[in-house]
PDB file of all heavy atoms in Angstrom:
ATOM      1  N   ALA A   1       0.834  -1.210   0.000  1.00  0.00           N
ATOM      2  CA  ALA A   1       0.000   0.000   0.000  1.00  0.00           C
ATOM      3  C   ALA A   1       0.860   1.248   0.000  1.00  0.00           C
ATOM      4  O   ALA A   1       0.508   2.255  -0.584  1.00  0.00           O
ATOM      5  CB  ALA A   1      -0.923  -0.020   1.212  1.00  0.00           C
ATOM      6  N   SER A   2       2.017   1.198   0.670  1.00  0.00           N
ATOM      7  CA  SER A   2       2.911   2.342   0.702  1.00  0.00           C
ATOM      8  C   SER A   2       4.325   1.834   0.914  1.00  0.00           C
ATOM      9  O   SER A   2       4.544   0.871   1.651  1.00  0.00           O
ATOM     10  CB  SER A   2       2.508   3.298   1.826  1.00  0.00           C
ATOM     11  OG  SER A   2       3.390   4.399   1.880  1.00  0.00           O
ATOM     12  N   ALA A   3       5.300   2.438   0.274  1.00  0.00           N
ATOM     13  CA  ALA A   3       6.683   1.973   0.371  1.00  0.00           C
ATOM     14  C   ALA A   3       7.349   2.567   1.609  1.00  0.00           C
ATOM     15  O   ALA A   3       6.707   3.158   2.459  1.00  0.00           O
ATOM     16  CB  ALA A   3       7.429   2.360  -0.898  1.00  0.00           C
ATOM     17  N   PHE A   4       8.671   2.420   1.657  1.00  0.00           N
ATOM     18  CA  PHE A   4       9.487   2.937   2.755  1.00  0.00           C
ATOM     19  C   PHE A   4       9.273   4.438   2.934  1.00  0.00           C
ATOM     20  O   PHE A   4       9.296   5.202   1.988  1.00  0.00           O
ATOM     21  CB  PHE A   4      10.951   2.635   2.424  1.00  0.00           C
ATOM     22  CG  PHE A   4      11.942   3.155   3.408  1.00  0.00           C
ATOM     23  CD1 PHE A   4      12.452   2.320   4.392  1.00  0.00           C
ATOM     24  CD2 PHE A   4      12.385   4.461   3.350  1.00  0.00           C
ATOM     25  CE1 PHE A   4      13.392   2.792   5.291  1.00  0.00           C
ATOM     26  CE2 PHE A   4      13.310   4.945   4.242  1.00  0.00           C
ATOM     27  CZ  PHE A   4      13.819   4.103   5.227  1.00  0.00           C
ATOM     28  N   GLU A   5       9.104   4.876   4.191  1.00  0.00           N
ATOM     29  CA  GLU A   5       8.958   6.304   4.494  1.00  0.00           C
ATOM     30  C   GLU A   5       9.717   6.622   5.773  1.00  0.00           C
ATOM     31  O   GLU A   5       9.744   5.825   6.705  1.00  0.00           O
ATOM     32  CB  GLU A   5       7.486   6.691   4.679  1.00  0.00           C
ATOM     33  CG  GLU A   5       6.636   6.572   3.431  1.00  0.00           C
ATOM     34  CD  GLU A   5       5.187   6.920   3.709  1.00  0.00           C
ATOM     35  OE1 GLU A   5       4.878   7.340   4.838  1.00  0.00           O
ATOM     36  OE2 GLU A   5       4.356   6.746   2.804  1.00  0.00           O
ATOM     37  N   GLY A   6      10.289   7.811   5.847  1.00  0.00           N
ATOM     38  CA  GLY A   6      10.986   8.262   7.053  1.00  0.00           C
ATOM     39  C   GLY A   6      12.344   7.620   7.207  1.00  0.00           C
ATOM     40  O   GLY A   6      12.575   6.487   6.786  1.00  0.00           O
ATOM     41  N   GLY A   7      13.297   8.345   7.827  1.00  0.00           N
ATOM     42  CA  GLY A   7      14.635   7.803   8.009  1.00  0.00           C
ATOM     43  C   GLY A   7      15.416   7.766   6.714  1.00  0.00           C
ATOM     44  O   GLY A   7      14.956   8.213   5.659  1.00  0.00           O
ATOM     45  N   GLY A   8      16.634   7.228   6.782  1.00  0.00           N
ATOM     46  CA  GLY A   8      17.481   7.106   5.603  1.00  0.00           C
ATOM     47  C   GLY A   8      17.754   5.660   5.284  1.00  0.00           C
ATOM     48  O   GLY A   8      17.681   4.783   6.148  1.00  0.00           O
ATOM     49  N   ARG A   9      18.105   5.403   4.018  1.00  0.00           N
ATOM     50  CA  ARG A   9      18.431   4.046   3.603  1.00  0.00           C
ATOM     51  C   ARG A   9      19.907   3.720   3.844  1.00  0.00           C
ATOM     52  O   ARG A   9      20.332   2.584   3.671  1.00  0.00           O
ATOM     53  CB  ARG A   9      18.109   3.868   2.112  1.00  0.00           C
ATOM     54  CG  ARG A   9      16.667   4.181   1.728  1.00  0.00           C
ATOM     55  CD  ARG A   9      15.713   3.142   2.252  1.00  0.00           C
ATOM     56  NE  ARG A   9      15.689   1.965   1.383  1.00  0.00           N
ATOM     57  CZ  ARG A   9      15.007   0.851   1.651  1.00  0.00           C
ATOM     58  NH1 ARG A   9      14.327   0.758   2.785  1.00  0.00           N
ATOM     59  NH2 ARG A   9      15.020  -0.173   0.820  1.00  0.00           N
ATOM     60  N   SER A  10      20.683   4.714   4.258  1.00  0.00           N
ATOM     61  CA  SER A  10      22.101   4.541   4.548  1.00  0.00           C
ATOM     62  C   SER A  10      22.494   5.652   5.527  1.00  0.00           C
ATOM     63  O   SER A  10      21.754   6.632   5.696  1.00  0.00           O
ATOM     64  CB  SER A  10      22.932   4.638   3.262  1.00  0.00           C
ATOM     65  OG  SER A  10      22.801   5.933   2.699  1.00  0.00           O
ATOM     66  N   PRO A  11      23.663   5.561   6.166  1.00  0.00           N
ATOM     67  CA  PRO A  11      24.070   6.609   7.105  1.00  0.00           C
ATOM     68  C   PRO A  11      24.119   8.001   6.487  1.00  0.00           C
ATOM     69  O   PRO A  11      23.726   8.982   7.124  1.00  0.00           O
ATOM     70  CB  PRO A  11      25.464   6.147   7.560  1.00  0.00           C
ATOM     71  CG  PRO A  11      25.390   4.659   7.482  1.00  0.00           C
ATOM     72  CD  PRO A  11      24.559   4.382   6.249  1.00  0.00           C
ATOM     73  N   SER A  12      24.596   8.104   5.244  1.00  0.00           N
ATOM     74  CA  SER A  12      24.722   9.437   4.639  1.00  0.00           C
ATOM     75  C   SER A  12      23.375  10.081   4.346  1.00  0.00           C
ATOM     76  O   SER A  12      23.294  11.304   4.195  1.00  0.00           O
ATOM     77  CB  SER A  12      25.553   9.352   3.348  1.00  0.00           C
ATOM     78  OG  SER A  12      24.888   8.537   2.391  1.00  0.00           O
ATOM     79  N   THR A  13      22.312   9.291   4.244  1.00  0.00           N
ATOM     80  CA  THR A  13      20.978   9.855   3.963  1.00  0.00           C
ATOM     81  C   THR A  13      20.101   9.909   5.211  1.00  0.00           C
ATOM     82  O   THR A  13      18.938  10.295   5.125  1.00  0.00           O
ATOM     83  CB  THR A  13      20.260   9.018   2.890  1.00  0.00           C
ATOM     84  OG1 THR A  13      20.121   7.658   3.352  1.00  0.00           O
ATOM     85  CG2 THR A  13      21.039   9.028   1.586  1.00  0.00           C
ATOM     86  N   ALA A  14      20.656   9.527   6.370  1.00  0.00           N
ATOM     87  CA  ALA A  14      19.868   9.513   7.603  1.00  0.00           C
ATOM     88  C   ALA A  14      19.627  10.937   8.094  1.00  0.00           C
ATOM     89  O   ALA A  14      20.579  11.718   8.214  1.00  0.00           O
ATOM     90  CB  ALA A  14      20.586   8.711   8.671  1.00  0.00           C
ATOM     91  N   PRO A  15      18.395  11.319   8.395  1.00  0.00           N
ATOM     92  CA  PRO A  15      18.123  12.652   8.920  1.00  0.00           C
ATOM     93  C   PRO A  15      18.610  12.790  10.370  1.00  0.00           C
ATOM     94  O   PRO A  15      18.592  11.821  11.136  1.00  0.00           O
ATOM     95  CB  PRO A  15      16.598  12.766   8.842  1.00  0.00           C
ATOM     96  CG  PRO A  15      16.107  11.365   8.857  1.00  0.00           C
ATOM     97  CD  PRO A  15      17.157  10.527   8.204  1.00  0.00           C
ATOM     98  N   LEU A  16      19.060  13.999  10.709  1.00  0.00           N
ATOM     99  CA  LEU A  16      19.496  14.291  12.072  1.00  0.00           C
ATOM    100  C   LEU A  16      18.270  14.621  12.919  1.00  0.00           C
ATOM    101  O   LEU A  16      17.498  15.514  12.579  1.00  0.00           O
ATOM    102  CB  LEU A  16      20.471  15.473  12.077  1.00  0.00           C
ATOM    103  CG  LEU A  16      20.935  15.972  13.448  1.00  0.00           C
ATOM    104  CD1 LEU A  16      21.767  14.895  14.161  1.00  0.00           C
ATOM    105  CD2 LEU A  16      21.729  17.269  13.305  1.00  0.00           C
ATOM    106  N   ILE A  17      18.093  13.903  14.027  1.00  0.00           N
ATOM    107  CA  ILE A  17      16.936  14.156  14.879  1.00  0.00           C
ATOM    108  C   ILE A  17      17.258  15.239  15.898  1.00  0.00           C
ATOM    109  O   ILE A  17      18.420  15.595  16.113  1.00  0.00           O
ATOM    110  CB  ILE A  17      16.475  12.874  15.605  1.00  0.00           C
ATOM    111  CG1 ILE A  17      17.490  12.492  16.692  1.00  0.00           C
ATOM    112  CG2 ILE A  17      16.275  11.726  14.631  1.00  0.00           C
ATOM    113  CD1 ILE A  17      16.952  11.498  17.685  1.00  0.00           C
ATOM    114  N   GLU A  18      16.238  15.753  16.547  1.00  0.00           N
ATOM    115  CA  GLU A  18      16.374  16.679  17.672  1.00  0.00           C
ATOM    116  C   GLU A  18      15.846  15.981  18.919  1.00  0.00           C
ATOM    117  O   GLU A  18      14.840  15.265  18.864  1.00  0.00           O
ATOM    118  CB  GLU A  18      15.600  17.975  17.433  1.00  0.00           C
ATOM    119  CG  GLU A  18      16.128  18.811  16.295  1.00  0.00           C
ATOM    120  CD  GLU A  18      15.365  20.122  16.145  1.00  0.00           C
ATOM    121  OE1 GLU A  18      14.744  20.557  17.145  1.00  0.00           O
ATOM    122  OE2 GLU A  18      15.377  20.685  15.049  1.00  0.00           O
ATOM    123  N   TRP A  19      16.533  16.204  20.034  1.00  0.00           N
ATOM    124  CA  TRP A  19      16.098  15.589  21.286  1.00  0.00           C
ATOM    125  C   TRP A  19      14.662  16.009  21.608  1.00  0.00           C
ATOM    126  O   TRP A  19      14.318  17.178  21.541  1.00  0.00           O
ATOM    127  CB  TRP A  19      17.011  15.980  22.446  1.00  0.00           C
ATOM    128  CG  TRP A  19      18.464  15.674  22.266  1.00  0.00           C
ATOM    129  CD1 TRP A  19      19.490  16.565  22.291  1.00  0.00           C
ATOM    130  CD2 TRP A  19      19.075  14.392  22.064  1.00  0.00           C
ATOM    131  NE1 TRP A  19      20.691  15.936  22.110  1.00  0.00           N
ATOM    132  CE2 TRP A  19      20.471  14.600  21.973  1.00  0.00           C
ATOM    133  CE3 TRP A  19      18.583  13.093  21.948  1.00  0.00           C
ATOM    134  CZ2 TRP A  19      21.380  13.559  21.784  1.00  0.00           C
ATOM    135  CZ3 TRP A  19      19.482  12.049  21.749  1.00  0.00           C
ATOM    136  CH2 TRP A  19      20.859  12.279  21.671  1.00  0.00           C
ATOM    137  N   GLY A  20      13.852  15.036  21.954  1.00  0.00           N
ATOM    138  CA  GLY A  20      12.488  15.307  22.401  1.00  0.00           C
ATOM    139  C   GLY A  20      11.467  15.486  21.301  1.00  0.00           C
ATOM    140  O   GLY A  20      10.264  15.529  21.588  1.00  0.00           O
ATOM    141  N   GLN A  21      11.887  15.569  20.038  1.00  0.00           N
ATOM    142  CA  GLN A  21      10.945  15.749  18.938  1.00  0.00           C
ATOM    143  C   GLN A  21      10.344  14.401  18.520  1.00  0.00           C
ATOM    144  O   GLN A  21      10.959  13.355  18.669  1.00  0.00           O
ATOM    145  CB  GLN A  21      11.643  16.387  17.736  1.00  0.00           C
ATOM    146  CG  GLN A  21      12.103  17.817  17.984  1.00  0.00           C
ATOM    147  CD  GLN A  21      10.942  18.751  18.250  1.00  0.00           C
ATOM    148  OE1 GLN A  21       9.961  18.778  17.516  1.00  0.00           O
ATOM    149  NE2 GLN A  21      11.040  19.513  19.342  1.00  0.00           N
ATOM    150  N   HIS A  22       9.132  14.470  17.977  1.00  0.00           N
ATOM    151  CA  HIS A  22       8.421  13.257  17.568  1.00  0.00           C
ATOM    152  C   HIS A  22       8.650  12.999  16.081  1.00  0.00           C
ATOM    153  O   HIS A  22       8.561  13.920  15.258  1.00  0.00           O
ATOM    154  CB  HIS A  22       6.922  13.403  17.855  1.00  0.00           C
ATOM    155  CG  HIS A  22       6.125  12.184  17.522  1.00  0.00           C
ATOM    156  ND1 HIS A  22       5.430  12.041  16.338  1.00  0.00           N
ATOM    157  CD2 HIS A  22       5.917  11.034  18.215  1.00  0.00           C
ATOM    158  CE1 HIS A  22       4.822  10.879  16.321  1.00  0.00           C
ATOM    159  NE2 HIS A  22       5.096  10.239  17.454  1.00  0.00           N
ATOM    160  N   TYR A  23       8.941  11.733  15.734  1.00  0.00           N
ATOM    161  CA  TYR A  23       9.193  11.354  14.347  1.00  0.00           C
ATOM    162  C   TYR A  23       8.381  10.105  14.003  1.00  0.00           C
ATOM    163  O   TYR A  23       8.051   9.310  14.883  1.00  0.00           O
ATOM    164  CB  TYR A  23      10.685  11.070  14.123  1.00  0.00           C
ATOM    165  CG  TYR A  23      11.557  12.275  14.352  1.00  0.00           C
ATOM    166  CD1 TYR A  23      12.103  12.519  15.614  1.00  0.00           C
ATOM    167  CD2 TYR A  23      11.812  13.183  13.333  1.00  0.00           C
ATOM    168  CE1 TYR A  23      12.885  13.640  15.844  1.00  0.00           C
ATOM    169  CE2 TYR A  23      12.602  14.307  13.553  1.00  0.00           C
ATOM    170  CZ  TYR A  23      13.132  14.530  14.808  1.00  0.00           C
ATOM    171  OH  TYR A  23      13.900  15.637  15.031  1.00  0.00           O
ATOM    172  N   ALA A  24       8.064   9.960  12.731  1.00  0.00           N
ATOM    173  CA  ALA A  24       7.298   8.805  12.267  1.00  0.00           C
ATOM    174  C   ALA A  24       7.907   8.277  10.972  1.00  0.00           C
ATOM    175  O   ALA A  24       8.505   9.023  10.190  1.00  0.00           O
ATOM    176  CB  ALA A  24       5.832   9.186  12.040  1.00  0.00           C
ATOM    177  N   GLY A  25       7.776   6.986  10.763  1.00  0.00           N
ATOM    178  CA  GLY A  25       8.272   6.356   9.548  1.00  0.00           C
ATOM    179  C   GLY A  25       7.467   5.117   9.230  1.00  0.00           C
ATOM    180  O   GLY A  25       6.492   4.783   9.920  1.00  0.00           O
ATOM    181  N   GLN A  26       7.872   4.433   8.181  1.00  0.00           N
ATOM    182  CA  GLN A  26       7.137   3.237   7.758  1.00  0.00           C
ATOM    183  C   GLN A  26       8.092   2.269   7.083  1.00  0.00           C
ATOM    184  O   GLN A  26       8.888   2.657   6.227  1.00  0.00           O
ATOM    185  CB  GLN A  26       6.019   3.635   6.799  1.00  0.00           C
ATOM    186  CG  GLN A  26       5.091   2.488   6.437  1.00  0.00           C
ATOM    187  CD  GLN A  26       3.806   3.005   5.812  1.00  0.00           C
ATOM    188  OE1 GLN A  26       2.828   3.248   6.485  1.00  0.00           O
ATOM    189  NE2 GLN A  26       3.843   3.189   4.493  1.00  0.00           N
ATOM    190  N   LEU A  27       8.033   1.012   7.496  1.00  0.00           N
ATOM    191  CA  LEU A  27       8.800  -0.068   6.887  1.00  0.00           C
ATOM    192  C   LEU A  27       7.841  -1.022   6.183  1.00  0.00           C
ATOM    193  O   LEU A  27       6.624  -0.853   6.261  1.00  0.00           O
ATOM    194  CB  LEU A  27       9.593  -0.819   7.966  1.00  0.00           C
ATOM    195  CG  LEU A  27      10.561   0.029   8.798  1.00  0.00           C
ATOM    196  CD1 LEU A  27      11.073  -0.778   9.981  1.00  0.00           C
ATOM    197  CD2 LEU A  27      11.729   0.517   7.945  1.00  0.00           C
ATOM    198  N   ASN A  28       8.390  -2.024   5.498  1.00  0.00           N
ATOM    199  CA  ASN A  28       7.530  -3.038   4.885  1.00  0.00           C
ATOM    200  C   ASN A  28       8.278  -4.355   4.772  1.00  0.00           C
ATOM    201  O   ASN A  28       9.468  -4.435   5.102  1.00  0.00           O
ATOM    202  CB  ASN A  28       7.023  -2.569   3.513  1.00  0.00           C
ATOM    203  CG  ASN A  28       8.150  -2.350   2.535  1.00  0.00           C
ATOM    204  OD1 ASN A  28       8.784  -3.302   2.081  1.00  0.00           O
ATOM    205  ND2 ASN A  28       8.405  -1.084   2.189  1.00  0.00           N
ATOM    206  N   ASN A  29       7.575  -5.392   4.367  1.00  0.00           N
ATOM    207  CA  ASN A  29       8.186  -6.716   4.261  1.00  0.00           C
ATOM    208  C   ASN A  29       8.418  -7.148   2.816  1.00  0.00           C
ATOM    209  O   ASN A  29       8.517  -8.332   2.517  1.00  0.00           O
ATOM    210  CB  ASN A  29       7.332  -7.762   4.990  1.00  0.00           C
ATOM    211  CG  ASN A  29       5.927  -7.861   4.389  1.00  0.00           C
ATOM    212  OD1 ASN A  29       5.549  -7.079   3.518  1.00  0.00           O
ATOM    213  ND2 ASN A  29       5.140  -8.817   4.880  1.00  0.00           N
ATOM    214  N   HIS A  30       8.514  -6.163   1.900  1.00  0.00           N
ATOM    215  CA  HIS A  30       8.727  -6.439   0.480  1.00  0.00           C
ATOM    216  C   HIS A  30      10.203  -6.735   0.229  1.00  0.00           C
ATOM    217  O   HIS A  30      11.077  -5.904   0.504  1.00  0.00           O
ATOM    218  CB  HIS A  30       8.275  -5.216  -0.339  1.00  0.00           C
ATOM    219  CG  HIS A  30       8.222  -5.473  -1.801  1.00  0.00           C
ATOM    220  ND1 HIS A  30       8.035  -4.455  -2.714  1.00  0.00           N
ATOM    221  CD2 HIS A  30       8.335  -6.624  -2.521  1.00  0.00           C
ATOM    222  CE1 HIS A  30       8.028  -4.968  -3.932  1.00  0.00           C
ATOM    223  NE2 HIS A  30       8.214  -6.278  -3.833  1.00  0.00           N
TER     224      HIS A  30
END
């Protein structure tokens, strides 16, 4: 229904988080 969302697929594409902030993402089993 929906592919990978949120975060990075490798260290260089990983977003920098902020302490205490809320984040959401989505994985799948494809």
